[in-house]
Amino acid sequence: MTRAARAAPRWLVVLSLLSVSLVSIPLVYVVWRAVDVPLSEFTTVLMRPRVQELTVNTLGLSLAVALSALLLGVVIAALLSRVRFRAAASLLLISALPLAVPSYLASYGWLVVIPGLNGFVPSWLLLTAVTVPYVTLPVAAALRGTSAEGEAVARTLGLGPLRAFVEVTWPQVRPAAVAGALLVFLYTLSDFGLVAMLRFETLTWGIQQSFAASFDRSQAAILALLLVVIALVVVAAERSARGQVVTSRAKLATREPVGVVSRALALLIVLAPPLVGVVAPLTGLGVRLLEAETLREIDFSRLGLATGATIAVSALAALVALIIALPLAALAARYSGRWVGSLETLGYLPHALPGIVVGLSLVFFSLAVLPPLYQTTAVLVFAYAVLFMPKALGTARSSIEGVSPDLVNVARTLGARPFSAWARVTLPLALPGLGIGALLVAIATMKELPATLLLRPTGVNTLATELWSRTSAGEFAGAAPYAAILVLVAAIPAMILSGVRRTAKEEL
C-alpha cells in the first residue's frame, strides 16, 4: 500500500507542526547552548581524543545492541507466531517482561552475582536483553496480519521455512522491525545508568560528567548536540530502510508442530532475554533482600506513596505522548514528501537526548517562560512525553499505515467529513497499535531516572528515584523492595500488551 501524493489536510499539518514544536524544546536549548560556544572551542572539544573515544564507544555499542535486538526480536516473534507452543500467550507475556526492568537495575543485579562485571560485552548483552521486546512486540503484532498462503506456496516450491519467511513474510513485517530497532538504537544512545554501573564510558557519561562540573557546561552542550547529529543520521537511514507496509486480508498462519528438540531450542531462544534481563538481576536483588532481612524494615507508607506516584505520572505521560505523536504518525503514514519525512525525523530526535539534558532544558524553559510550572507534575509529565514520544510514534505510524485508505474513502463517499472519516474508521482499526505505543511509553516512564531527579515536585518520589537513592548510598538491601515493586508494576502494562494482541487476533 503506497502513501498518497496529494496534499495533506491543513488541520493535520498544523497539529503535526505543533507536536514537533513541543518536543523540540530540549533540542532548541541544546543548539542554543552549543551555538553560544566559539567555533574554535567547538572544534577543540570535538577533536579531543577523549571525545572521539566516547563517540566510538557510543556508536559501537548502539549499533551492536540494535542489530542483535533486531535479529533476536524477529526470531522470537516468528517463533511465537509460527511454532505451536502449549502456552503461546504466556510466552509472549514473558518475552515482554524485560521492558519492566530498568537497565541500571539489570546491571546492578548482575553486579551482585558477578562483582567484577564491566566493559563492552556485558553492556552489549544486558542492553540487548532489556531492549529486545521493542522489536518482538511490534513484529509479533505485524505477523498476526500476514498470510499463511505465501509461505505455504514458497514451501511447496522447495524453499525451507527460514528462506520462505525471509522472502515472503519479512517484507511485510520489515517496517515494524526496523522501527523497533530504531527505538533500541536511540535507547542505547541515551542510556546512562547501565553503562555507568558497568564502567563503559559513552557520550552520556561524558555529558553527565560535564554537567556535574558547572564550569564546563559548554562541553556538555557540544556532546549533547553530537548525540543529536548521530540520531539524525540514524533516523534518516531508518526511513530509507523502512519500506512500505504490505497489507493482506488472507487467513492467518497456523502454528506448526515441531519435534521435541526443536521446540526446546525455540523455547530457550524465547526465554533467553527474560532470563538474562529479569531473572538473574532479580535473583541477585533477592539475595540481598534475604541476607539483610529487609522485609521487617520496609516503610510500607513510603513504598505505597512511591508506587502511586509512579503509576499516576506514567499513565499521564502515556496519554500525553500518544496525543502528541498521533498527528505526526497520521501525517507520515498517509502522505509523502521531504518535508513530511523531515517532520517525522524531528519527532524522533528528542529520544536521543539523555534524560539529564531534557530535564535541564525544561528547568531552564519553565523558569524563563512559565515560572509557576517549575517543579510541578505538569512539567515532569511533559518531560516524559518528550523523551518517550518516539516509542508511540513508531508503532502509531505502522498501525495507521496498516489500515487501508480505501476504507476511509468509502466513509467519505457516504458523506463523512475528512476528520470524521479518519476518527471513525482509521482510529478504531489502528487502536491495538496505538495502545502498544502508549504502553511502551508508560513502561519507559516508570523506569526513567535523570529527568525525574531534576523535575519532580518537592517531596514526590517515584520507585525509580527511591531505588537509585538507596543503591547510590550503598543501601542495596533497602533498594530491593523498591526494585521488586517497580518490576511488578511495570509488568502490568506488559500483561496488557499481551491482552491487546490476543484481542486483536480474535477480532480477525
Protein backbone atom coordinates (compact mmCIF):
# COMPACT_ATOMS: atom_id res chain seq x y z
CA MET A 1 0.00 0.00 0.00
CA THR A 2 1.62 3.26 -1.07
CA ARG A 3 1.22 6.61 0.57
CA ALA A 4 -0.79 9.29 -1.16
CA ALA A 5 0.97 12.05 -3.05
CA ARG A 6 -1.90 14.53 -2.58
CA ALA A 7 -1.66 17.47 -0.24
CA ALA A 8 -2.20 16.76 3.44
CA PRO A 9 -5.17 18.40 5.20
CA ARG A 10 -4.34 21.73 6.78
CA TRP A 11 -5.57 20.66 10.22
CA LEU A 12 -3.23 17.66 10.19
CA VAL A 13 -0.25 19.76 9.12
CA VAL A 14 -0.92 22.34 11.84
CA LEU A 15 -1.23 19.68 14.54
CA SER A 16 1.94 17.94 13.33
CA LEU A 17 3.87 21.21 13.43
CA LEU A 18 2.60 21.81 16.95
CA SER A 19 3.71 18.33 18.01
CA VAL A 20 7.19 18.82 16.59
CA SER A 21 7.46 22.26 18.19
CA LEU A 22 6.60 20.89 21.62
CA VAL A 23 9.08 18.01 21.58
CA SER A 24 11.81 20.22 20.08
CA ILE A 25 12.11 22.46 23.14
CA PRO A 26 15.09 20.48 24.55
CA LEU A 27 16.72 20.46 21.11
CA VAL A 28 16.41 24.22 20.87
CA TYR A 29 18.06 24.51 24.27
CA VAL A 30 20.96 22.26 23.23
CA VAL A 31 21.50 24.11 19.96
CA TRP A 32 21.29 27.48 21.73
CA ARG A 33 23.91 26.45 24.27
CA ALA A 34 26.16 24.94 21.59
CA VAL A 35 25.90 27.94 19.23
CA ASP A 36 26.91 30.17 22.12
CA VAL A 37 30.28 28.39 22.16
CA PRO A 38 33.03 29.95 19.97
CA LEU A 39 33.84 27.94 16.85
CA SER A 40 37.44 27.42 17.92
CA GLU A 41 36.37 25.91 21.24
CA PHE A 42 33.72 23.83 19.48
CA THR A 43 36.34 22.31 17.17
CA THR A 44 38.78 21.82 20.02
CA VAL A 45 36.24 19.84 22.03
CA LEU A 46 35.32 17.59 19.09
CA MET A 47 38.97 16.89 18.27
CA ARG A 48 39.88 15.81 21.78
CA PRO A 49 40.98 12.13 21.84
CA ARG A 50 38.72 11.54 24.82
CA VAL A 51 35.64 12.81 22.98
CA GLN A 52 36.50 10.70 19.95
CA GLU A 53 36.87 7.65 22.19
CA LEU A 54 33.47 8.30 23.77
CA THR A 55 31.92 8.70 20.31
CA VAL A 56 33.37 5.41 19.06
CA ASN A 57 32.19 3.64 22.22
CA THR A 58 28.70 5.09 21.82
CA LEU A 59 28.35 4.21 18.13
CA GLY A 60 29.80 0.73 18.58
CA LEU A 61 27.54 -0.14 21.49
CA SER A 62 24.39 1.36 19.94
CA LEU A 63 24.89 -0.40 16.60
CA ALA A 64 25.74 -3.73 18.24
CA VAL A 65 22.69 -3.63 20.53
CA ALA A 66 20.32 -2.50 17.73
CA LEU A 67 21.47 -5.23 15.33
CA SER A 68 21.40 -8.02 17.93
CA ALA A 69 17.97 -6.88 19.20
CA LEU A 70 16.67 -6.75 15.62
CA LEU A 71 17.81 -10.28 14.84
CA LEU A 72 16.75 -11.80 18.15
CA GLY A 73 13.45 -9.88 18.28
CA VAL A 74 12.38 -11.01 14.81
CA VAL A 75 13.36 -14.61 15.56
CA ILE A 76 11.42 -14.63 18.85
CA ALA A 77 8.34 -13.03 17.25
CA ALA A 78 8.45 -15.55 14.41
CA LEU A 79 8.79 -18.48 16.80
CA LEU A 80 5.88 -17.28 18.94
CA SER A 81 3.73 -16.76 15.84
CA ARG A 82 4.68 -19.84 13.84
CA VAL A 83 5.62 -22.61 16.30
CA ARG A 84 2.95 -24.43 18.27
CA PHE A 85 3.62 -23.92 21.99
CA ARG A 86 1.27 -25.05 24.74
CA ALA A 87 1.25 -21.59 26.34
CA ALA A 88 1.99 -19.23 23.46
CA ALA A 89 0.13 -16.28 25.05
CA SER A 90 2.02 -16.70 28.31
CA LEU A 91 5.31 -16.90 26.45
CA LEU A 92 4.54 -13.61 24.71
CA LEU A 93 3.92 -12.05 28.09
CA ILE A 94 7.17 -13.47 29.46
CA SER A 95 9.08 -12.20 26.43
CA ALA A 96 7.83 -8.67 27.20
CA LEU A 97 8.97 -8.73 30.86
CA PRO A 98 12.45 -7.23 30.20
CA LEU A 99 10.66 -3.96 29.44
CA ALA A 100 9.75 -3.82 33.13
CA VAL A 101 13.40 -3.84 34.27
CA PRO A 102 15.39 -0.58 34.21
CA SER A 103 18.80 -1.01 32.62
CA TYR A 104 20.54 0.23 35.76
CA LEU A 105 18.61 -2.35 37.83
CA ALA A 106 19.62 -5.15 35.45
CA SER A 107 23.27 -4.12 35.70
CA TYR A 108 23.11 -3.83 39.49
CA GLY A 109 21.54 -7.28 39.82
CA TRP A 110 24.30 -8.82 37.73
CA LEU A 111 26.98 -6.96 39.71
CA VAL A 112 25.63 -8.66 42.84
CA VAL A 113 26.14 -12.02 41.12
CA ILE A 114 29.44 -11.14 39.37
CA PRO A 115 31.03 -8.15 41.18
CA GLY A 116 33.79 -7.58 38.62
CA LEU A 117 31.46 -7.31 35.62
CA ASN A 118 32.34 -4.35 33.36
CA GLY A 119 33.12 -3.28 29.81
CA PHE A 120 31.62 -3.52 26.33
CA VAL A 121 30.48 -7.14 26.18
CA PRO A 122 28.40 -7.13 29.40
CA SER A 123 26.90 -3.76 28.42
CA TRP A 124 26.01 -5.12 24.97
CA LEU A 125 24.46 -8.35 26.26
CA LEU A 126 22.44 -6.70 29.04
CA LEU A 127 21.17 -3.84 26.87
CA THR A 128 20.17 -6.35 24.20
CA ALA A 129 18.27 -8.41 26.78
CA VAL A 130 16.29 -5.44 28.14
CA THR A 131 15.52 -3.90 24.72
CA VAL A 132 14.60 -6.96 22.61
CA PRO A 133 10.85 -6.52 23.35
CA TYR A 134 10.92 -3.20 21.45
CA VAL A 135 11.35 -5.37 18.34
CA THR A 136 9.50 -8.51 19.44
CA LEU A 137 6.18 -6.84 20.26
CA PRO A 138 5.63 -4.79 17.07
CA VAL A 139 6.86 -7.64 14.86
CA ALA A 140 4.56 -10.12 16.63
CA ALA A 141 1.68 -7.68 16.12
CA ALA A 142 2.58 -7.33 12.43
CA LEU A 143 2.85 -11.09 11.98
CA ARG A 144 -0.72 -11.62 13.12
CA GLY A 145 -1.87 -9.89 9.91
CA THR A 146 0.36 -11.79 7.49
CA SER A 147 -1.00 -14.51 5.26
CA ALA A 148 -0.12 -18.16 5.61
CA GLU A 149 -0.67 -18.71 1.90
CA GLY A 150 2.51 -17.02 0.66
CA GLU A 151 4.78 -19.05 2.90
CA ALA A 152 2.87 -22.23 2.08
CA VAL A 153 3.33 -21.64 -1.64
CA ALA A 154 7.03 -20.93 -1.13
CA ARG A 155 7.39 -24.17 0.85
CA THR A 156 5.75 -26.17 -1.94
CA LEU A 157 8.32 -24.70 -4.34
CA GLY A 158 11.11 -26.23 -2.29
CA LEU A 159 12.08 -23.36 -0.01
CA GLY A 160 12.87 -24.14 3.59
CA PRO A 161 11.00 -22.47 6.49
CA LEU A 162 13.72 -19.84 7.04
CA ARG A 163 14.07 -18.85 3.39
CA ALA A 164 10.30 -18.81 2.90
CA PHE A 165 9.95 -16.46 5.88
CA VAL A 166 12.73 -14.17 4.65
CA GLU A 167 11.46 -13.91 1.08
CA VAL A 168 7.71 -13.85 1.71
CA THR A 169 6.97 -12.61 5.24
CA TRP A 170 9.94 -10.37 6.02
CA PRO A 171 8.95 -7.63 3.54
CA GLN A 172 5.58 -7.38 5.30
CA VAL A 173 6.98 -7.03 8.83
CA ARG A 174 10.13 -5.07 7.97
CA PRO A 175 8.67 -1.61 8.78
CA ALA A 176 7.70 -2.73 12.29
CA ALA A 177 11.06 -4.48 12.83
CA VAL A 178 13.13 -1.53 11.64
CA ALA A 179 11.07 0.90 13.71
CA GLY A 180 11.69 -1.27 16.77
CA ALA A 181 15.42 -1.43 16.04
CA LEU A 182 15.47 2.36 15.77
CA LEU A 183 13.96 2.63 19.25
CA VAL A 184 16.62 0.22 20.54
CA PHE A 185 19.40 2.30 18.97
CA LEU A 186 18.04 5.54 20.44
CA TYR A 187 17.53 3.86 23.84
CA THR A 188 21.15 2.70 23.87
CA LEU A 189 22.37 6.06 22.60
CA SER A 190 20.80 7.85 25.57
CA ASP A 191 21.32 5.20 28.29
CA PHE A 192 23.33 6.31 31.29
CA GLY A 193 22.58 4.08 34.29
CA LEU A 194 23.77 0.74 32.88
CA VAL A 195 26.94 2.00 31.19
CA ALA A 196 27.84 3.97 34.31
CA MET A 197 27.45 0.94 36.57
CA LEU A 198 29.37 -1.31 34.18
CA ARG A 199 32.05 1.35 33.69
CA PHE A 200 31.77 1.52 29.92
CA GLU A 201 32.13 5.21 29.17
CA THR A 202 29.92 6.66 26.42
CA LEU A 203 28.80 10.15 25.41
CA THR A 204 26.04 10.13 28.04
CA TRP A 205 28.68 9.52 30.69
CA GLY A 206 30.69 12.44 29.29
CA ILE A 207 27.62 14.69 29.33
CA GLN A 208 26.83 13.72 32.92
CA GLN A 209 30.39 14.49 34.00
CA SER A 210 30.40 17.82 32.16
CA PHE A 211 27.08 18.90 33.64
CA ALA A 212 28.28 17.86 37.09
CA ALA A 213 31.17 20.30 36.63
CA SER A 214 29.35 23.64 36.46
CA PHE A 215 32.35 25.28 34.84
CA ASP A 216 32.17 23.12 31.71
CA ARG A 217 28.55 23.32 30.58
CA SER A 218 29.66 24.22 27.03
CA GLN A 219 31.32 20.82 26.54
CA ALA A 220 28.15 19.13 27.76
CA ALA A 221 26.09 21.05 25.20
CA ILE A 222 28.52 20.12 22.42
CA LEU A 223 28.41 16.43 23.35
CA ALA A 224 24.60 16.54 23.52
CA LEU A 225 24.50 18.14 20.07
CA LEU A 226 26.79 15.37 18.82
CA LEU A 227 24.26 12.82 20.07
CA VAL A 228 21.51 14.65 18.20
CA VAL A 229 23.53 14.58 14.96
CA ILE A 230 24.12 10.83 15.34
CA ALA A 231 20.41 10.30 15.95
CA LEU A 232 19.55 12.45 12.92
CA VAL A 233 21.71 10.30 10.64
CA VAL A 234 20.29 7.05 12.04
CA VAL A 235 16.65 8.18 11.77
CA ALA A 236 17.24 9.22 8.15
CA ALA A 237 18.77 5.80 7.44
CA GLU A 238 15.78 4.12 9.12
CA ARG A 239 13.38 5.97 6.83
CA SER A 240 15.30 4.71 3.79
CA ALA A 241 15.37 1.11 5.03
CA ARG A 242 11.80 1.03 6.30
CA GLY A 243 9.98 0.23 3.08
CA GLN A 244 6.21 0.21 2.72
CA VAL A 245 3.72 -1.83 4.68
CA VAL A 246 2.14 -4.62 2.67
CA THR A 247 -1.30 -5.50 3.95
CA SER A 248 -3.21 -8.72 3.39
CA ARG A 249 -6.66 -9.95 4.23
CA ALA A 250 -5.85 -13.62 3.79
CA LYS A 251 -6.23 -16.07 6.60
CA LEU A 252 -3.64 -16.12 9.35
CA ALA A 253 -0.77 -18.56 9.53
CA THR A 254 -1.31 -21.63 11.62
CA ARG A 255 1.22 -22.72 14.21
CA GLU A 256 3.35 -25.63 13.05
CA PRO A 257 4.05 -28.64 15.27
CA VAL A 258 7.78 -29.34 15.68
CA GLY A 259 9.89 -32.03 17.29
CA VAL A 260 10.81 -32.10 20.95
CA VAL A 261 14.41 -30.97 20.38
CA SER A 262 13.40 -28.14 18.03
CA ARG A 263 10.69 -26.98 20.45
CA ALA A 264 13.17 -26.99 23.34
CA LEU A 265 15.66 -24.95 21.31
CA ALA A 266 12.95 -22.48 20.30
CA LEU A 267 11.83 -22.17 23.91
CA LEU A 268 15.39 -21.47 25.01
CA ILE A 269 15.70 -18.67 22.46
CA VAL A 270 12.40 -17.12 23.57
CA LEU A 271 13.33 -17.29 27.25
CA ALA A 272 16.95 -16.11 26.89
CA PRO A 273 16.24 -12.33 27.20
CA PRO A 274 13.93 -12.71 30.23
CA LEU A 275 16.46 -14.98 31.92
CA VAL A 276 19.35 -12.56 31.34
CA GLY A 277 17.43 -9.31 31.79
CA VAL A 278 14.92 -10.24 34.50
CA VAL A 279 15.50 -13.50 36.35
CA ALA A 280 19.24 -13.14 37.01
CA PRO A 281 19.13 -9.49 38.18
CA LEU A 282 16.11 -10.08 40.42
CA THR A 283 17.79 -13.17 41.86
CA GLY A 284 20.74 -11.01 42.82
CA LEU A 285 18.46 -8.45 44.44
CA GLY A 286 16.56 -11.21 46.21
CA VAL A 287 19.79 -12.49 47.71
CA ARG A 288 20.48 -9.02 49.11
CA LEU A 289 16.94 -8.82 50.43
CA LEU A 290 17.07 -12.15 52.23
CA GLU A 291 20.56 -11.61 53.61
CA ALA A 292 19.57 -8.37 55.32
CA GLU A 293 16.09 -9.46 56.38
CA THR A 294 14.83 -6.19 54.96
CA LEU A 295 11.21 -7.26 54.90
CA ARG A 296 10.90 -6.33 58.58
CA GLU A 297 12.28 -2.84 57.94
CA ILE A 298 10.20 -1.79 54.94
CA ASP A 299 8.48 1.57 55.22
CA PHE A 300 5.23 0.48 53.58
CA SER A 301 3.80 4.00 53.67
CA ARG A 302 6.77 5.40 51.73
CA LEU A 303 6.69 2.43 49.37
CA GLY A 304 2.96 2.96 48.72
CA LEU A 305 3.40 6.67 48.00
CA ALA A 306 6.23 5.98 45.57
CA THR A 307 4.17 3.30 43.83
CA GLY A 308 1.15 5.57 43.50
CA ALA A 309 3.23 8.44 42.13
CA THR A 310 4.90 6.11 39.62
CA ILE A 311 1.60 4.79 38.28
CA ALA A 312 -0.01 8.24 38.10
CA VAL A 313 2.76 10.01 36.20
CA SER A 314 3.25 7.02 33.88
CA ALA A 315 -0.41 6.96 32.88
CA LEU A 316 -0.44 10.71 32.27
CA ALA A 317 2.79 10.55 30.28
CA ALA A 318 1.46 7.74 28.08
CA LEU A 319 -1.67 9.74 27.29
CA VAL A 320 0.20 12.98 26.57
CA ALA A 321 2.84 11.23 24.44
CA LEU A 322 0.17 9.48 22.37
CA ILE A 323 -1.73 12.74 21.83
CA ILE A 324 1.47 14.45 20.67
CA ALA A 325 2.51 11.54 18.44
CA LEU A 326 -0.85 10.89 16.76
CA PRO A 327 -0.96 13.80 14.27
CA LEU A 328 2.65 13.25 13.22
CA ALA A 329 2.11 9.49 12.85
CA ALA A 330 -1.03 10.02 10.73
CA LEU A 331 0.81 12.50 8.51
CA ALA A 332 3.84 10.23 7.99
CA ALA A 333 1.65 7.17 7.37
CA ARG A 334 -0.57 8.70 4.71
CA TYR A 335 1.41 11.43 2.95
CA SER A 336 4.79 11.57 1.26
CA GLY A 337 7.26 14.36 0.67
CA ARG A 338 10.60 15.52 2.01
CA TRP A 339 9.02 17.93 4.43
CA VAL A 340 6.87 15.13 5.88
CA GLY A 341 9.96 12.99 6.36
CA SER A 342 11.77 15.91 7.97
CA LEU A 343 8.96 16.44 10.48
CA GLU A 344 8.94 12.75 11.37
CA THR A 345 12.71 12.80 11.82
CA LEU A 346 12.47 15.77 14.18
CA GLY A 347 9.88 13.85 16.17
CA TYR A 348 12.38 11.05 16.82
CA LEU A 349 15.38 13.19 17.77
CA PRO A 350 14.48 14.05 21.41
CA HIS A 351 14.67 10.35 22.27
CA ALA A 352 18.43 10.50 21.60
CA LEU A 353 18.92 13.12 24.32
CA PRO A 354 19.89 11.86 27.78
CA GLY A 355 17.28 12.47 30.45
CA ILE A 356 19.55 14.93 32.22
CA VAL A 357 19.69 17.15 29.12
CA VAL A 358 15.90 17.10 28.72
CA GLY A 359 15.50 17.78 32.43
CA LEU A 360 17.89 20.74 32.46
CA SER A 361 16.36 22.21 29.30
CA LEU A 362 12.89 22.11 30.83
CA VAL A 363 14.16 23.59 34.09
CA PHE A 364 15.53 26.49 32.05
CA PHE A 365 12.34 26.73 29.95
CA SER A 366 9.93 26.64 32.88
CA LEU A 367 11.89 29.25 34.86
CA ALA A 368 12.24 31.56 31.85
CA VAL A 369 8.80 31.20 30.27
CA LEU A 370 6.38 29.66 32.80
CA PRO A 371 7.77 30.14 36.34
CA PRO A 372 4.57 28.92 38.08
CA LEU A 373 5.06 25.50 36.44
CA TYR A 374 8.57 24.99 37.79
CA GLN A 375 8.83 21.73 39.77
CA THR A 376 5.24 20.74 39.06
CA THR A 377 3.84 17.44 37.88
CA ALA A 378 2.86 19.08 34.58
CA VAL A 379 6.49 19.77 33.63
CA LEU A 380 7.57 16.31 34.79
CA VAL A 381 4.89 14.61 32.68
CA PHE A 382 5.77 16.79 29.69
CA ALA A 383 9.43 15.77 30.05
CA TYR A 384 8.41 12.11 29.93
CA ALA A 385 6.29 12.77 26.84
CA VAL A 386 9.22 14.47 25.10
CA LEU A 387 11.63 11.68 25.98
CA PHE A 388 9.40 8.77 25.04
CA MET A 389 7.05 10.09 22.37
CA PRO A 390 9.09 8.22 19.67
CA LYS A 391 8.04 4.94 21.28
CA ALA A 392 4.44 5.86 20.48
CA LEU A 393 5.30 7.46 17.13
CA GLY A 394 6.82 4.37 15.52
CA THR A 395 4.04 1.95 16.46
CA ALA A 396 1.32 4.53 15.74
CA ARG A 397 2.66 5.20 12.26
CA SER A 398 2.94 1.48 11.50
CA SER A 399 -0.60 0.75 12.76
CA ILE A 400 -2.12 3.63 10.76
CA GLU A 401 -0.20 2.52 7.65
CA GLY A 402 -1.74 -0.92 8.05
CA VAL A 403 -5.29 0.44 7.68
CA SER A 404 -6.36 0.56 4.03
CA PRO A 405 -7.16 4.13 2.88
CA ASP A 406 -9.92 2.62 0.74
CA LEU A 407 -11.99 2.20 3.90
CA VAL A 408 -11.69 5.91 4.62
CA ASN A 409 -12.65 6.70 1.03
CA VAL A 410 -15.81 4.63 1.43
CA ALA A 411 -16.73 6.62 4.53
CA ARG A 412 -16.14 9.84 2.59
CA THR A 413 -18.48 8.72 -0.20
CA LEU A 414 -21.15 8.16 2.47
CA GLY A 415 -20.95 11.82 3.44
CA ALA A 416 -18.44 11.81 6.31
CA ARG A 417 -16.06 14.76 6.58
CA PRO A 418 -12.29 14.02 6.38
CA PHE A 419 -11.60 14.22 10.12
CA SER A 420 -14.80 12.35 10.99
CA ALA A 421 -13.98 9.59 8.50
CA TRP A 422 -10.49 9.26 9.95
CA ALA A 423 -11.77 9.18 13.54
CA ARG A 424 -14.49 6.63 12.79
CA VAL A 425 -12.52 4.30 10.51
CA THR A 426 -8.74 4.63 10.87
CA LEU A 427 -8.55 5.32 14.59
CA PRO A 428 -10.54 2.25 15.77
CA LEU A 429 -8.69 -0.11 13.42
CA ALA A 430 -5.32 1.29 14.46
CA LEU A 431 -6.18 1.19 18.15
CA PRO A 432 -4.22 -2.00 19.03
CA GLY A 433 -1.01 -0.48 17.66
CA LEU A 434 -1.73 2.84 19.36
CA GLY A 435 -2.28 1.02 22.63
CA ILE A 436 1.05 -0.76 22.29
CA GLY A 437 2.78 2.59 21.78
CA ALA A 438 1.11 4.12 24.84
CA LEU A 439 2.00 1.13 27.00
CA LEU A 440 5.63 1.28 25.85
CA VAL A 441 5.69 4.93 26.95
CA ALA A 442 4.19 4.03 30.33
CA ILE A 443 6.79 1.31 30.92
CA ALA A 444 9.66 3.60 29.95
CA THR A 445 8.30 6.35 32.21
CA MET A 446 8.22 4.06 35.23
CA LYS A 447 11.95 3.42 34.80
CA GLU A 448 13.14 6.95 33.91
CA LEU A 449 15.61 8.43 36.36
CA PRO A 450 17.74 11.52 35.45
CA ALA A 451 14.90 13.81 34.34
CA THR A 452 12.80 12.66 37.30
CA LEU A 453 15.53 13.62 39.75
CA LEU A 454 15.67 17.12 38.27
CA LEU A 455 11.99 17.87 37.68
CA ARG A 456 9.97 16.01 40.33
CA PRO A 457 7.96 18.22 42.69
CA THR A 458 9.46 18.62 46.15
CA GLY A 459 8.59 15.66 48.35
CA VAL A 460 7.46 13.46 45.44
CA ASN A 461 9.43 10.25 44.88
CA THR A 462 8.93 7.51 42.33
CA LEU A 463 10.06 3.92 42.61
CA ALA A 464 13.00 4.70 40.31
CA THR A 465 14.25 7.62 42.44
CA GLU A 466 13.85 5.64 45.65
CA LEU A 467 15.74 2.72 44.11
CA TRP A 468 18.53 4.96 42.84
CA SER A 469 18.94 6.89 46.09
CA ARG A 470 19.34 3.68 48.05
CA THR A 471 21.76 2.00 45.66
CA SER A 472 23.80 5.22 45.42
CA ALA A 473 24.06 5.31 49.22
CA GLY A 474 25.10 1.66 49.33
CA GLU A 475 21.79 0.53 50.87
CA PHE A 476 21.48 -2.40 48.48
CA ALA A 477 19.18 -4.43 50.70
CA GLY A 478 16.92 -1.42 51.24
CA ALA A 479 16.68 -0.96 47.47
CA ALA A 480 15.40 -4.49 46.91
CA PRO A 481 11.72 -3.89 47.88
CA TYR A 482 11.51 -0.87 45.56
CA ALA A 483 13.14 -2.86 42.77
CA ALA A 484 10.68 -5.72 43.22
CA ILE A 485 7.62 -3.41 43.20
CA LEU A 486 8.98 -1.49 40.20
CA VAL A 487 9.29 -4.70 38.20
CA LEU A 488 5.83 -5.83 39.34
CA VAL A 489 4.17 -2.52 38.46
CA ALA A 490 5.96 -2.26 35.12
CA ALA A 491 4.93 -5.83 34.32
CA ILE A 492 1.26 -4.81 34.36
CA PRO A 493 1.49 -2.92 31.03
CA ALA A 494 3.36 -5.92 29.63
CA MET A 495 0.38 -8.11 30.55
CA ILE A 496 -1.95 -5.63 28.90
CA LEU A 497 0.24 -5.72 25.79
CA SER A 498 -0.32 -9.46 25.61
CA GLY A 499 -4.06 -8.92 26.03
CA VAL A 500 -4.13 -6.30 23.27
CA ARG A 501 -2.52 -8.72 20.87
CA ARG A 502 -4.87 -11.58 21.80
CA THR A 503 -7.96 -9.38 21.45
CA ALA A 504 -6.86 -8.10 18.07
CA LYS A 505 -6.18 -11.62 16.92
CA GLU A 506 -9.61 -12.83 17.97
CA GLU A 507 -11.25 -10.00 16.00
CA LEU A 508 -9.66 -11.11 12.74
